[in-house]
Amino acid sequence: MIKEVYERYKGSGLEILCFAFDRSAETVQAAIDLDQLPGVHIVDTEGPGSPVQTLFNLKMQLPQYFLIDTKGRIYKHNVDFSTLGKSVYDLFATPPEY
């Protein structure tokens, strides 16, 4: 689902930022390579309970997505990836507020 959404909207400015909370960067990289996941990937090797996880208030209900608009505001946050395509469509169909 993520690859399809990215391919469809990357020309419109969609970028994907992925965080992984795992003590092994090599394991995460192997999964990224295996699944050919697009986007920018950040591996937090401090694992669960890290400052990044605390900052974003992630409760280990992973994966999660955050859609950020062009003003840097969270447009949508969800753990249900089945709604990702519709959410991205809605984000790009709605003109940003300035």
N, C-alpha and C. Protein backbone atom coordinates (compact mmCIF):
# COMPACT_ATOMS: atom_id res chain seq x y z
N MET A 1 0.82 -1.20 0.00
CA MET A 1 0.00 0.00 0.00
C MET A 1 0.86 1.26 0.00
N ILE A 2 1.89 1.30 0.83
CA ILE A 2 2.72 2.50 0.93
C ILE A 2 3.42 2.78 -0.39
N LYS A 3 3.96 1.74 -1.03
CA LYS A 3 4.67 1.96 -2.30
C LYS A 3 3.73 2.52 -3.36
N GLU A 4 2.52 2.00 -3.42
CA GLU A 4 1.56 2.46 -4.43
C GLU A 4 1.17 3.92 -4.20
N VAL A 5 0.90 4.26 -2.95
CA VAL A 5 0.53 5.64 -2.62
C VAL A 5 1.69 6.58 -2.93
N TYR A 6 2.90 6.18 -2.57
CA TYR A 6 4.08 7.01 -2.82
C TYR A 6 4.27 7.23 -4.32
N GLU A 7 4.20 6.17 -5.10
CA GLU A 7 4.38 6.31 -6.55
C GLU A 7 3.34 7.24 -7.15
N ARG A 8 2.13 7.19 -6.66
CA ARG A 8 1.06 8.00 -7.21
C ARG A 8 1.22 9.49 -6.88
N TYR A 9 1.72 9.80 -5.68
CA TYR A 9 1.73 11.19 -5.22
C TYR A 9 3.10 11.82 -5.05
N LYS A 10 4.17 11.09 -5.31
CA LYS A 10 5.49 11.69 -5.11
C LYS A 10 5.72 12.90 -6.02
N GLY A 11 5.14 12.89 -7.19
CA GLY A 11 5.25 14.03 -8.10
C GLY A 11 4.52 15.26 -7.61
N SER A 12 3.59 15.07 -6.68
CA SER A 12 2.84 16.18 -6.10
C SER A 12 3.48 16.70 -4.83
N GLY A 13 4.59 16.08 -4.42
CA GLY A 13 5.29 16.55 -3.24
C GLY A 13 5.23 15.63 -2.05
N LEU A 14 4.62 14.46 -2.18
CA LEU A 14 4.55 13.53 -1.06
C LEU A 14 5.94 12.99 -0.74
N GLU A 15 6.29 13.01 0.53
CA GLU A 15 7.51 12.37 0.99
C GLU A 15 7.15 11.51 2.18
N ILE A 16 7.82 10.42 2.32
CA ILE A 16 7.57 9.49 3.41
C ILE A 16 8.78 9.49 4.33
N LEU A 17 8.51 9.66 5.61
CA LEU A 17 9.54 9.62 6.64
C LEU A 17 9.18 8.47 7.58
N CYS A 18 10.09 7.52 7.71
CA CYS A 18 9.83 6.33 8.51
C CYS A 18 10.78 6.27 9.69
N PHE A 19 10.22 5.98 10.85
CA PHE A 19 11.02 5.77 12.05
C PHE A 19 10.93 4.30 12.43
N ALA A 20 12.06 3.73 12.78
CA ALA A 20 12.08 2.36 13.30
C ALA A 20 12.75 2.40 14.67
N PHE A 21 12.13 1.73 15.63
CA PHE A 21 12.68 1.65 16.98
C PHE A 21 13.20 0.24 17.18
N ASP A 22 14.45 0.06 16.86
CA ASP A 22 15.05 -1.27 16.92
C ASP A 22 16.52 -1.10 17.29
N ARG A 23 17.02 -1.99 18.05
CA ARG A 23 18.42 -1.90 18.48
C ARG A 23 19.39 -2.27 17.36
N SER A 24 18.88 -2.88 16.30
CA SER A 24 19.74 -3.32 15.20
C SER A 24 19.41 -2.56 13.91
N ALA A 25 20.26 -1.62 13.56
CA ALA A 25 20.07 -0.89 12.31
C ALA A 25 20.17 -1.82 11.11
N GLU A 26 21.00 -2.85 11.22
CA GLU A 26 21.18 -3.79 10.12
C GLU A 26 19.88 -4.57 9.84
N THR A 27 19.18 -4.96 10.89
CA THR A 27 17.91 -5.68 10.73
C THR A 27 16.88 -4.79 10.04
N VAL A 28 16.81 -3.54 10.46
CA VAL A 28 15.87 -2.61 9.85
C VAL A 28 16.21 -2.39 8.39
N GLN A 29 17.50 -2.19 8.09
CA GLN A 29 17.91 -1.97 6.69
C GLN A 29 17.59 -3.17 5.82
N ALA A 30 17.76 -4.37 6.37
CA ALA A 30 17.43 -5.58 5.62
C ALA A 30 15.94 -5.62 5.28
N ALA A 31 15.09 -5.22 6.23
CA ALA A 31 13.65 -5.20 5.98
C ALA A 31 13.28 -4.14 4.94
N ILE A 32 13.92 -2.97 5.02
CA ILE A 32 13.68 -1.91 4.04
C ILE A 32 14.06 -2.39 2.64
N ASP A 33 15.22 -3.02 2.54
CA ASP A 33 15.68 -3.52 1.25
C ASP A 33 14.78 -4.64 0.72
N LEU A 34 14.39 -5.55 1.61
CA LEU A 34 13.55 -6.68 1.20
C LEU A 34 12.20 -6.20 0.67
N ASP A 35 11.59 -5.26 1.39
CA ASP A 35 10.26 -4.77 1.00
C ASP A 35 10.32 -3.60 0.02
N GLN A 36 11.52 -3.13 -0.29
CA GLN A 36 11.73 -2.00 -1.20
C GLN A 36 10.87 -0.80 -0.79
N LEU A 37 10.98 -0.44 0.49
CA LEU A 37 10.17 0.65 1.04
C LEU A 37 10.72 2.01 0.63
N PRO A 38 9.85 2.87 0.09
CA PRO A 38 10.29 4.20 -0.31
C PRO A 38 10.41 5.13 0.89
N GLY A 39 11.04 6.26 0.68
CA GLY A 39 11.06 7.30 1.69
C GLY A 39 12.38 7.42 2.41
N VAL A 40 12.37 8.28 3.40
CA VAL A 40 13.53 8.53 4.25
C VAL A 40 13.34 7.69 5.51
N HIS A 41 14.35 6.92 5.85
CA HIS A 41 14.24 5.99 6.98
C HIS A 41 15.22 6.38 8.08
N ILE A 42 14.69 6.48 9.29
CA ILE A 42 15.49 6.80 10.46
C ILE A 42 15.36 5.65 11.44
N VAL A 43 16.49 5.13 11.87
CA VAL A 43 16.49 4.04 12.83
C VAL A 43 16.93 4.59 14.18
N ASP A 44 16.05 4.47 15.15
CA ASP A 44 16.34 4.90 16.51
C ASP A 44 16.81 3.66 17.28
N THR A 45 18.11 3.52 17.41
CA THR A 45 18.67 2.31 18.02
C THR A 45 18.56 2.32 19.55
N GLU A 46 17.99 3.38 20.12
CA GLU A 46 17.72 3.34 21.56
C GLU A 46 16.51 2.45 21.84
N GLY A 47 15.75 2.12 20.79
CA GLY A 47 14.63 1.21 20.94
C GLY A 47 13.44 1.83 21.66
N PRO A 48 12.53 0.98 22.11
CA PRO A 48 11.32 1.47 22.80
C PRO A 48 11.68 2.35 24.00
N GLY A 49 10.91 3.42 24.16
CA GLY A 49 11.14 4.34 25.26
C GLY A 49 12.14 5.44 24.94
N SER A 50 12.58 5.50 23.69
CA SER A 50 13.57 6.50 23.29
C SER A 50 12.96 7.91 23.33
N PRO A 51 13.80 8.94 23.31
CA PRO A 51 13.28 10.31 23.29
C PRO A 51 12.38 10.59 22.08
N VAL A 52 12.69 10.01 20.92
CA VAL A 52 11.85 10.24 19.74
C VAL A 52 10.47 9.62 19.95
N GLN A 53 10.44 8.42 20.48
CA GLN A 53 9.15 7.77 20.74
C GLN A 53 8.35 8.58 21.76
N THR A 54 9.01 9.12 22.75
CA THR A 54 8.35 9.94 23.76
C THR A 54 7.85 11.25 23.15
N LEU A 55 8.68 11.89 22.32
CA LEU A 55 8.31 13.16 21.69
C LEU A 55 7.03 13.03 20.88
N PHE A 56 6.91 11.95 20.11
CA PHE A 56 5.74 11.75 19.26
C PHE A 56 4.62 10.98 19.96
N ASN A 57 4.83 10.68 21.25
CA ASN A 57 3.83 10.00 22.06
C ASN A 57 3.36 8.69 21.43
N LEU A 58 4.31 7.93 20.92
CA LEU A 58 4.00 6.66 20.29
C LEU A 58 3.89 5.58 21.37
N LYS A 59 2.80 4.88 21.38
CA LYS A 59 2.54 3.88 22.41
C LYS A 59 2.80 2.47 21.92
N MET A 60 3.74 2.32 21.00
CA MET A 60 4.09 1.02 20.44
C MET A 60 2.95 0.41 19.63
N GLN A 61 2.05 1.23 19.17
CA GLN A 61 1.04 0.79 18.22
C GLN A 61 1.60 1.07 16.84
N LEU A 62 2.59 0.31 16.48
CA LEU A 62 3.30 0.57 15.24
C LEU A 62 2.88 -0.45 14.20
N PRO A 63 2.92 -0.11 12.94
CA PRO A 63 3.30 1.20 12.41
C PRO A 63 2.17 2.22 12.56
N GLN A 64 2.55 3.46 12.49
CA GLN A 64 1.61 4.58 12.48
C GLN A 64 2.01 5.51 11.36
N TYR A 65 1.07 6.32 10.92
CA TYR A 65 1.46 7.35 9.96
C TYR A 65 0.96 8.71 10.43
N PHE A 66 1.74 9.71 10.04
CA PHE A 66 1.40 11.10 10.27
C PHE A 66 1.44 11.77 8.90
N LEU A 67 0.37 12.39 8.48
CA LEU A 67 0.38 13.20 7.26
C LEU A 67 0.57 14.65 7.68
N ILE A 68 1.61 15.26 7.16
CA ILE A 68 1.96 16.63 7.50
C ILE A 68 1.68 17.51 6.29
N ASP A 69 0.97 18.61 6.49
CA ASP A 69 0.66 19.48 5.36
C ASP A 69 1.84 20.40 5.05
N THR A 70 1.68 21.24 4.04
CA THR A 70 2.79 22.09 3.59
C THR A 70 3.15 23.18 4.61
N LYS A 71 2.32 23.39 5.61
CA LYS A 71 2.61 24.34 6.68
C LYS A 71 3.27 23.66 7.88
N GLY A 72 3.50 22.35 7.78
CA GLY A 72 4.13 21.62 8.87
C GLY A 72 3.18 21.17 9.95
N ARG A 73 1.89 21.21 9.68
CA ARG A 73 0.89 20.79 10.66
C ARG A 73 0.47 19.35 10.41
N ILE A 74 0.16 18.65 11.49
CA ILE A 74 -0.34 17.27 11.34
C ILE A 74 -1.74 17.34 10.75
N TYR A 75 -1.89 16.77 9.57
CA TYR A 75 -3.18 16.74 8.89
C TYR A 75 -3.97 15.51 9.33
N LYS A 76 -3.29 14.41 9.49
CA LYS A 76 -3.96 13.16 9.86
C LYS A 76 -2.94 12.26 10.54
N HIS A 77 -3.41 11.52 11.53
CA HIS A 77 -2.56 10.58 12.26
C HIS A 77 -3.39 9.32 12.48
N ASN A 78 -2.83 8.18 12.13
CA ASN A 78 -3.62 6.96 12.22
C ASN A 78 -2.73 5.74 12.30
N VAL A 79 -3.29 4.65 12.75
CA VAL A 79 -2.59 3.38 12.76
C VAL A 79 -3.20 2.41 11.74
N ASP A 80 -4.25 2.84 11.06
CA ASP A 80 -4.95 2.00 10.10
C ASP A 80 -4.48 2.35 8.68
N PHE A 81 -3.56 1.56 8.16
CA PHE A 81 -2.99 1.86 6.84
C PHE A 81 -3.98 1.65 5.70
N SER A 82 -5.11 1.00 5.98
CA SER A 82 -6.09 0.84 4.91
C SER A 82 -6.71 2.18 4.52
N THR A 83 -6.59 3.20 5.36
CA THR A 83 -7.14 4.52 5.06
C THR A 83 -6.09 5.48 4.50
N LEU A 84 -4.85 5.02 4.36
CA LEU A 84 -3.77 5.90 3.94
C LEU A 84 -4.02 6.52 2.56
N GLY A 85 -4.40 5.72 1.58
CA GLY A 85 -4.62 6.24 0.23
C GLY A 85 -5.66 7.33 0.20
N LYS A 86 -6.79 7.13 0.87
CA LYS A 86 -7.85 8.14 0.92
C LYS A 86 -7.37 9.39 1.65
N SER A 87 -6.64 9.21 2.73
CA SER A 87 -6.14 10.35 3.49
C SER A 87 -5.18 11.20 2.66
N VAL A 88 -4.29 10.56 1.91
CA VAL A 88 -3.35 11.29 1.06
C VAL A 88 -4.11 12.01 -0.04
N TYR A 89 -5.07 11.32 -0.65
CA TYR A 89 -5.90 11.95 -1.69
C TYR A 89 -6.58 13.20 -1.12
N ASP A 90 -7.19 13.08 0.06
CA ASP A 90 -7.88 14.21 0.67
C ASP A 90 -6.90 15.36 0.97
N LEU A 91 -5.71 15.02 1.43
CA LEU A 91 -4.71 16.04 1.73
C LEU A 91 -4.36 16.84 0.48
N PHE A 92 -4.14 16.15 -0.63
CA PHE A 92 -3.76 16.86 -1.86
C PHE A 92 -4.94 17.51 -2.55
N ALA A 93 -6.15 17.07 -2.26
CA ALA A 93 -7.34 17.67 -2.85
C ALA A 93 -7.75 18.94 -2.09
N THR A 94 -7.28 19.09 -0.85
CA THR A 94 -7.63 20.24 -0.02
C THR A 94 -6.52 21.28 -0.13
N PRO A 95 -6.85 22.47 -0.64
CA PRO A 95 -5.80 23.50 -0.73
C PRO A 95 -5.30 23.86 0.67
N PRO A 96 -4.00 24.08 0.82
CA PRO A 96 -3.47 24.44 2.15
C PRO A 96 -3.97 25.81 2.59
N GLU A 97 -4.16 25.96 3.89
CA GLU A 97 -4.54 27.25 4.45
C GLU A 97 -3.27 28.05 4.72
N TYR A 98 -3.29 29.31 4.35
CA TYR A 98 -2.11 30.17 4.59
C TYR A 98 -2.43 31.24 5.58
